[in-house]
Amino acid sequence: LKVLHEMAHGVVCKRFLGDVRQAGIVLIVMIPLPFVDVTSSWRFSSKWQRIFVAAAGMYVEIFAAAVAMIVWAYSDIGIVKTQAFNIFLAGSITTVLFNANPLMRFDGYYILTDWLEMPNLGTHGQQWTKWLGKKYYLGLDAKKPTWPEGRGFIVATYAILALMWRVVICVGLALAAESLFFGLGIVLAVLAVAMWVLWPIVKLLKMVFIG
């Protein structure tokens, strides 16, 4: 599915006369994942062309999920039926929850930022969250970041939703690690909490007392 996903990005990029300089496999935590370089699409003058390139992988995965669902419906119980269901699950629900989700830095995020014409939406959201914490949590005299009229509401809404989603993902991953890996999972969960909670607190204290 991921090979098809990345190939779709490259094919659509080439369709709009973009350059695809690299494609291959990258190891992330010893897991081989395909990639394709379609950064040339960022220079397309039409935002809709950029959006089509970003969405191409999801189109292909959802199509594959639809085919897999048909195979599942007409298959007898066995490995074919099981694998068809796995493909359906990965190509539909997982794709929507993660790839299409604009609250994470995947395809959905770049589609949203292109549509809104706000390429730094995530960074602006973090700036707004930091200002909110300084002013209302720490009581510091912090200057509120500003954006053009109407954009401030978009930035604030995105920042709040992204923060909530990050908390859900962190808790979910910690619980999954604890349940799947038993004793090792507890260690992984503790380390995850330390990275997601304690480290930001350390950075916050450093900012307050050191500057």
C-alpha atoms as a PDB file:
ATOM      1  CA  LEU A   1       0.000   0.000   0.000  1.00  0.00           C
ATOM      2  CA  LYS A   2       2.757   2.442   0.883  1.00  0.00           C
ATOM      3  CA  VAL A   3       4.600   1.708  -2.359  1.00  0.00           C
ATOM      4  CA  LEU A   4       1.405   2.461  -4.297  1.00  0.00           C
ATOM      5  CA  HIS A   5       0.864   5.555  -2.148  1.00  0.00           C
ATOM      6  CA  GLU A   6       4.298   7.002  -2.917  1.00  0.00           C
ATOM      7  CA  MET A   7       4.146   6.022  -6.600  1.00  0.00           C
ATOM      8  CA  ALA A   8       0.867   7.926  -6.905  1.00  0.00           C
ATOM      9  CA  HIS A   9       2.511  11.081  -5.558  1.00  0.00           C
ATOM     10  CA  GLY A  10       5.277  10.728  -8.131  1.00  0.00           C
ATOM     11  CA  VAL A  11       2.974   9.971 -11.077  1.00  0.00           C
ATOM     12  CA  VAL A  12       0.720  12.982 -10.417  1.00  0.00           C
ATOM     13  CA  CYS A  13       3.748  15.221  -9.876  1.00  0.00           C
ATOM     14  CA  LYS A  14       5.126  14.123 -13.271  1.00  0.00           C
ATOM     15  CA  ARG A  15       1.665  14.641 -14.803  1.00  0.00           C
ATOM     16  CA  PHE A  16       1.936  18.328 -13.912  1.00  0.00           C
ATOM     17  CA  LEU A  17       5.498  18.437 -15.335  1.00  0.00           C
ATOM     18  CA  GLY A  18       7.233  18.335 -11.975  1.00  0.00           C
ATOM     19  CA  ASP A  19      10.574  16.595 -11.344  1.00  0.00           C
ATOM     20  CA  VAL A  20      10.811  13.429  -9.264  1.00  0.00           C
ATOM     21  CA  ARG A  21      14.492  13.314  -8.365  1.00  0.00           C
ATOM     22  CA  GLN A  22      14.509  10.438  -5.902  1.00  0.00           C
ATOM     23  CA  ALA A  23      12.472   7.397  -4.932  1.00  0.00           C
ATOM     24  CA  GLY A  24      13.454   4.490  -2.750  1.00  0.00           C
ATOM     25  CA  ILE A  25      13.363   2.925   0.689  1.00  0.00           C
ATOM     26  CA  VAL A  26      14.295   4.555   3.988  1.00  0.00           C
ATOM     27  CA  LEU A  27      14.728   2.730   7.303  1.00  0.00           C
ATOM     28  CA  ILE A  28      12.859   4.281  10.242  1.00  0.00           C
ATOM     29  CA  VAL A  29      13.425   2.364  13.500  1.00  0.00           C
ATOM     30  CA  MET A  30      14.580  -0.559  11.300  1.00  0.00           C
ATOM     31  CA  ILE A  31      11.255  -0.530   9.425  1.00  0.00           C
ATOM     32  CA  PRO A  32      11.609  -0.140   5.626  1.00  0.00           C
ATOM     33  CA  LEU A  33       9.345   2.600   4.299  1.00  0.00           C
ATOM     34  CA  PRO A  34       9.107   3.799   0.679  1.00  0.00           C
ATOM     35  CA  PHE A  35       9.542   7.467  -0.182  1.00  0.00           C
ATOM     36  CA  VAL A  36       9.427   9.685  -3.238  1.00  0.00           C
ATOM     37  CA  ASP A  37      10.759  13.213  -3.629  1.00  0.00           C
ATOM     38  CA  VAL A  38       8.010  15.456  -5.006  1.00  0.00           C
ATOM     39  CA  THR A  39       9.287  18.705  -3.481  1.00  0.00           C
ATOM     40  CA  SER A  40       9.293  20.191  -6.991  1.00  0.00           C
ATOM     41  CA  SER A  41       5.478  20.332  -6.709  1.00  0.00           C
ATOM     42  CA  TRP A  42       5.871  23.092  -4.105  1.00  0.00           C
ATOM     43  CA  ARG A  43       6.850  25.396  -6.965  1.00  0.00           C
ATOM     44  CA  PHE A  44       3.678  24.761  -8.967  1.00  0.00           C
ATOM     45  CA  SER A  45       1.856  28.030  -9.556  1.00  0.00           C
ATOM     46  CA  SER A  46      -1.567  26.407  -9.056  1.00  0.00           C
ATOM     47  CA  LYS A  47      -2.433  25.445  -5.497  1.00  0.00           C
ATOM     48  CA  TRP A  48      -4.886  22.879  -6.857  1.00  0.00           C
ATOM     49  CA  GLN A  49      -2.054  21.070  -8.630  1.00  0.00           C
ATOM     50  CA  ARG A  50      -0.118  21.001  -5.360  1.00  0.00           C
ATOM     51  CA  ILE A  51      -3.220  19.678  -3.578  1.00  0.00           C
ATOM     52  CA  PHE A  52      -3.723  16.944  -6.195  1.00  0.00           C
ATOM     53  CA  VAL A  53      -0.112  15.800  -5.725  1.00  0.00           C
ATOM     54  CA  ALA A  54      -0.530  15.705  -1.941  1.00  0.00           C
ATOM     55  CA  ALA A  55      -3.833  13.813  -2.163  1.00  0.00           C
ATOM     56  CA  ALA A  56      -2.787  11.296  -4.827  1.00  0.00           C
ATOM     57  CA  GLY A  57      -1.480   8.696  -2.380  1.00  0.00           C
ATOM     58  CA  MET A  58      -4.721   8.695  -0.414  1.00  0.00           C
ATOM     59  CA  TYR A  59      -6.783   8.306  -3.601  1.00  0.00           C
ATOM     60  CA  VAL A  60      -4.861   5.159  -4.483  1.00  0.00           C
ATOM     61  CA  GLU A  61      -5.042   3.702  -0.970  1.00  0.00           C
ATOM     62  CA  ILE A  62      -8.802   4.261  -0.754  1.00  0.00           C
ATOM     63  CA  PHE A  63      -9.255   2.680  -4.202  1.00  0.00           C
ATOM     64  CA  ALA A  64      -7.198  -0.330  -3.070  1.00  0.00           C
ATOM     65  CA  ALA A  65      -9.329  -0.508   0.087  1.00  0.00           C
ATOM     66  CA  ALA A  66     -12.494  -0.560  -2.025  1.00  0.00           C
ATOM     67  CA  VAL A  67     -11.147  -3.411  -4.184  1.00  0.00           C
ATOM     68  CA  ALA A  68     -10.065  -5.288  -1.044  1.00  0.00           C
ATOM     69  CA  MET A  69     -13.551  -4.902   0.432  1.00  0.00           C
ATOM     70  CA  ILE A  70     -15.069  -6.486  -2.696  1.00  0.00           C
ATOM     71  CA  VAL A  71     -12.555  -9.365  -2.482  1.00  0.00           C
ATOM     72  CA  TRP A  72     -13.360  -9.789   1.213  1.00  0.00           C
ATOM     73  CA  ALA A  73     -17.108  -9.911   0.542  1.00  0.00           C
ATOM     74  CA  TYR A  74     -16.778 -12.657  -2.092  1.00  0.00           C
ATOM     75  CA  SER A  75     -14.048 -14.748  -0.432  1.00  0.00           C
ATOM     76  CA  ASP A  76     -14.363 -17.775   1.773  1.00  0.00           C
ATOM     77  CA  ILE A  77     -12.858 -17.730   5.243  1.00  0.00           C
ATOM     78  CA  GLY A  78      -9.093 -18.056   4.936  1.00  0.00           C
ATOM     79  CA  ILE A  79      -5.892 -16.122   4.285  1.00  0.00           C
ATOM     80  CA  VAL A  80      -7.292 -14.252   1.269  1.00  0.00           C
ATOM     81  CA  LYS A  81     -10.266 -12.978   3.245  1.00  0.00           C
ATOM     82  CA  THR A  82      -8.039 -12.030   6.186  1.00  0.00           C
ATOM     83  CA  GLN A  83      -5.507 -10.143   4.061  1.00  0.00           C
ATOM     84  CA  ALA A  84      -8.263  -8.410   2.107  1.00  0.00           C
ATOM     85  CA  PHE A  85      -9.702  -7.124   5.377  1.00  0.00           C
ATOM     86  CA  ASN A  86      -6.257  -5.948   6.529  1.00  0.00           C
ATOM     87  CA  ILE A  87      -5.773  -4.047   3.261  1.00  0.00           C
ATOM     88  CA  PHE A  88      -9.220  -2.494   3.610  1.00  0.00           C
ATOM     89  CA  LEU A  89      -8.479  -1.414   7.177  1.00  0.00           C
ATOM     90  CA  ALA A  90      -5.056   0.047   6.364  1.00  0.00           C
ATOM     91  CA  GLY A  91      -6.198   1.733   3.151  1.00  0.00           C
ATOM     92  CA  SER A  92      -9.338   3.336   4.537  1.00  0.00           C
ATOM     93  CA  ILE A  93      -9.587   3.932   8.281  1.00  0.00           C
ATOM     94  CA  THR A  94      -5.847   4.261   8.902  1.00  0.00           C
ATOM     95  CA  THR A  95      -5.425   6.536   5.892  1.00  0.00           C
ATOM     96  CA  VAL A  96      -8.240   8.834   7.036  1.00  0.00           C
ATOM     97  CA  LEU A  97      -7.074   8.930  10.676  1.00  0.00           C
ATOM     98  CA  PHE A  98      -3.450   9.702   9.876  1.00  0.00           C
ATOM     99  CA  ASN A  99      -2.649  10.643   6.250  1.00  0.00           C
ATOM    100  CA  ALA A 100      -5.786  12.719   5.732  1.00  0.00           C
ATOM    101  CA  ASN A 101      -5.708  14.188   9.237  1.00  0.00           C
ATOM    102  CA  PRO A 102      -4.629  17.857   8.972  1.00  0.00           C
ATOM    103  CA  LEU A 103      -3.646  17.877  12.663  1.00  0.00           C
ATOM    104  CA  MET A 104      -0.512  15.862  11.824  1.00  0.00           C
ATOM    105  CA  ARG A 105       2.280  16.821   9.413  1.00  0.00           C
ATOM    106  CA  PHE A 106       1.175  14.391   6.726  1.00  0.00           C
ATOM    107  CA  ASP A 107      -0.694  14.795   3.428  1.00  0.00           C
ATOM    108  CA  GLY A 108      -3.854  16.243   4.988  1.00  0.00           C
ATOM    109  CA  TYR A 109      -1.884  19.034   6.654  1.00  0.00           C
ATOM    110  CA  TYR A 110      -0.306  20.182   3.386  1.00  0.00           C
ATOM    111  CA  ILE A 111      -3.658  20.009   1.619  1.00  0.00           C
ATOM    112  CA  LEU A 112      -5.221  22.226   4.305  1.00  0.00           C
ATOM    113  CA  THR A 113      -2.388  24.743   4.355  1.00  0.00           C
ATOM    114  CA  ASP A 114      -2.411  25.012   0.569  1.00  0.00           C
ATOM    115  CA  TRP A 115      -6.190  25.439   0.505  1.00  0.00           C
ATOM    116  CA  LEU A 116      -6.040  28.149   3.205  1.00  0.00           C
ATOM    117  CA  GLU A 117      -2.852  29.598   1.680  1.00  0.00           C
ATOM    118  CA  MET A 118      -1.226  29.470   5.128  1.00  0.00           C
ATOM    119  CA  PRO A 119       1.955  27.395   4.634  1.00  0.00           C
ATOM    120  CA  ASN A 120       3.204  27.913   8.218  1.00  0.00           C
ATOM    121  CA  LEU A 121      -0.062  27.109   9.994  1.00  0.00           C
ATOM    122  CA  GLY A 122       1.501  24.523  12.315  1.00  0.00           C
ATOM    123  CA  THR A 123       4.337  26.854  13.349  1.00  0.00           C
ATOM    124  CA  HIS A 124       1.908  29.722  13.917  1.00  0.00           C
ATOM    125  CA  GLY A 125      -0.257  27.445  16.028  1.00  0.00           C
ATOM    126  CA  GLN A 126       2.725  26.619  18.231  1.00  0.00           C
ATOM    127  CA  GLN A 127       3.510  30.322  18.594  1.00  0.00           C
ATOM    128  CA  TRP A 128      -0.088  31.000  19.684  1.00  0.00           C
ATOM    129  CA  THR A 129       0.005  28.123  22.188  1.00  0.00           C
ATOM    130  CA  LYS A 130       3.263  29.410  23.703  1.00  0.00           C
ATOM    131  CA  TRP A 131       1.788  32.903  24.039  1.00  0.00           C
ATOM    132  CA  LEU A 132      -1.318  31.486  25.702  1.00  0.00           C
ATOM    133  CA  GLY A 133       0.765  29.540  28.214  1.00  0.00           C
ATOM    134  CA  LYS A 134       3.028  32.479  29.023  1.00  0.00           C
ATOM    135  CA  LYS A 135       0.171  34.910  29.553  1.00  0.00           C
ATOM    136  CA  TYR A 136      -2.528  32.848  31.280  1.00  0.00           C
ATOM    137  CA  TYR A 137      -0.562  29.992  32.878  1.00  0.00           C
ATOM    138  CA  LEU A 138       2.662  31.733  33.898  1.00  0.00           C
ATOM    139  CA  GLY A 139       1.228  35.237  34.175  1.00  0.00           C
ATOM    140  CA  LEU A 140       4.021  36.751  32.084  1.00  0.00           C
ATOM    141  CA  ASP A 141       3.663  39.935  30.073  1.00  0.00           C
ATOM    142  CA  ALA A 142       3.862  38.282  26.660  1.00  0.00           C
ATOM    143  CA  LYS A 143       3.113  39.999  23.376  1.00  0.00           C
ATOM    144  CA  LYS A 144       0.301  38.307  21.474  1.00  0.00           C
ATOM    145  CA  PRO A 145       1.316  37.189  17.964  1.00  0.00           C
ATOM    146  CA  THR A 146      -0.803  38.737  15.254  1.00  0.00           C
ATOM    147  CA  TRP A 147      -1.941  37.652  11.826  1.00  0.00           C
ATOM    148  CA  PRO A 148      -4.161  39.259   9.158  1.00  0.00           C
ATOM    149  CA  GLU A 149      -7.809  39.705  10.117  1.00  0.00           C
ATOM    150  CA  GLY A 150      -9.627  36.380  10.292  1.00  0.00           C
ATOM    151  CA  ARG A 151      -6.428  34.342  10.281  1.00  0.00           C
ATOM    152  CA  GLY A 152      -5.938  34.621  14.049  1.00  0.00           C
ATOM    153  CA  PHE A 153      -9.122  32.616  14.669  1.00  0.00           C
ATOM    154  CA  ILE A 154      -7.954  29.918  12.240  1.00  0.00           C
ATOM    155  CA  VAL A 155      -4.538  29.714  13.919  1.00  0.00           C
ATOM    156  CA  ALA A 156      -6.039  29.510  17.425  1.00  0.00           C
ATOM    157  CA  THR A 157      -8.568  26.847  16.415  1.00  0.00           C
ATOM    158  CA  TYR A 158      -5.904  24.777  14.707  1.00  0.00           C
ATOM    159  CA  ALA A 159      -3.542  25.102  17.690  1.00  0.00           C
ATOM    160  CA  ILE A 160      -6.173  23.871  20.167  1.00  0.00           C
ATOM    161  CA  LEU A 161      -7.291  20.940  17.992  1.00  0.00           C
ATOM    162  CA  ALA A 162      -3.694  19.914  17.226  1.00  0.00           C
ATOM    163  CA  LEU A 163      -2.799  19.986  20.925  1.00  0.00           C
ATOM    164  CA  MET A 164      -5.823  17.850  21.822  1.00  0.00           C
ATOM    165  CA  TRP A 165      -5.009  15.351  19.065  1.00  0.00           C
ATOM    166  CA  ARG A 166      -1.372  15.166  20.204  1.00  0.00           C
ATOM    167  CA  VAL A 167      -2.505  14.266  23.711  1.00  0.00           C
ATOM    168  CA  VAL A 168      -4.834  11.559  22.367  1.00  0.00           C
ATOM    169  CA  ILE A 169      -2.049  10.058  20.235  1.00  0.00           C
ATOM    170  CA  CYS A 170       0.494  10.133  23.067  1.00  0.00           C
ATOM    171  CA  VAL A 171      -1.865   8.436  25.522  1.00  0.00           C
ATOM    172  CA  GLY A 172      -2.957   5.909  22.899  1.00  0.00           C
ATOM    173  CA  LEU A 173       0.601   4.964  21.956  1.00  0.00           C
ATOM    174  CA  ALA A 174       1.617   4.615  25.607  1.00  0.00           C
ATOM    175  CA  LEU A 175      -1.355   2.356  26.360  1.00  0.00           C
ATOM    176  CA  ALA A 176      -0.728   0.301  23.216  1.00  0.00           C
ATOM    177  CA  ALA A 177       2.941  -0.183  24.124  1.00  0.00           C
ATOM    178  CA  GLU A 178       2.022  -1.216  27.664  1.00  0.00           C
ATOM    179  CA  SER A 179      -0.520  -3.788  26.494  1.00  0.00           C
ATOM    180  CA  LEU A 180       1.442  -5.218  23.550  1.00  0.00           C
ATOM    181  CA  PHE A 181       4.920  -5.535  25.066  1.00  0.00           C
ATOM    182  CA  PHE A 182       4.079  -6.276  28.716  1.00  0.00           C
ATOM    183  CA  GLY A 183       7.046  -5.399  30.963  1.00  0.00           C
ATOM    184  CA  LEU A 184       9.001  -3.777  28.157  1.00  0.00           C
ATOM    185  CA  GLY A 185       5.859  -1.848  27.240  1.00  0.00           C
ATOM    186  CA  ILE A 186       5.742  -0.289  30.701  1.00  0.00           C
ATOM    187  CA  VAL A 187       9.327   0.888  30.268  1.00  0.00           C
ATOM    188  CA  LEU A 188       8.508   2.276  26.811  1.00  0.00           C
ATOM    189  CA  ALA A 189       5.411   4.017  28.180  1.00  0.00           C
ATOM    190  CA  VAL A 190       7.435   5.630  30.991  1.00  0.00           C
ATOM    191  CA  LEU A 191      10.085   6.799  28.531  1.00  0.00           C
ATOM    192  CA  ALA A 192       7.373   8.174  26.240  1.00  0.00           C
ATOM    193  CA  VAL A 193       5.763  10.121  29.084  1.00  0.00           C
ATOM    194  CA  ALA A 194       9.196  11.488  30.022  1.00  0.00           C
ATOM    195  CA  MET A 195       9.765  12.692  26.457  1.00  0.00           C
ATOM    196  CA  TRP A 196       6.265  14.116  25.934  1.00  0.00           C
ATOM    197  CA  VAL A 197       5.700  15.638  29.389  1.00  0.00           C
ATOM    198  CA  LEU A 198       8.859  16.040  31.458  1.00  0.00           C
ATOM    199  CA  TRP A 199      11.073  17.409  28.690  1.00  0.00           C
ATOM    200  CA  PRO A 200       8.655  20.233  27.773  1.00  0.00           C
ATOM    201  CA  ILE A 201       8.431  21.082  31.505  1.00  0.00           C
ATOM    202  CA  VAL A 202      12.232  21.276  31.694  1.00  0.00           C
ATOM    203  CA  LYS A 203      12.286  23.586  28.667  1.00  0.00           C
ATOM    204  CA  LEU A 204       9.561  25.712  30.236  1.00  0.00           C
ATOM    205  CA  LEU A 205      11.449  26.088  33.530  1.00  0.00           C
ATOM    206  CA  LYS A 206      14.608  26.951  31.621  1.00  0.00           C
ATOM    207  CA  MET A 207      12.747  29.652  29.710  1.00  0.00           C
ATOM    208  CA  VAL A 208      11.264  31.132  32.904  1.00  0.00           C
ATOM    209  CA  PHE A 209      14.386  31.168  35.083  1.00  0.00           C
ATOM    210  CA  ILE A 210      17.173  31.548  32.517  1.00  0.00           C
ATOM    211  CA  GLY A 211      15.447  33.292  29.609  1.00  0.00           C
END
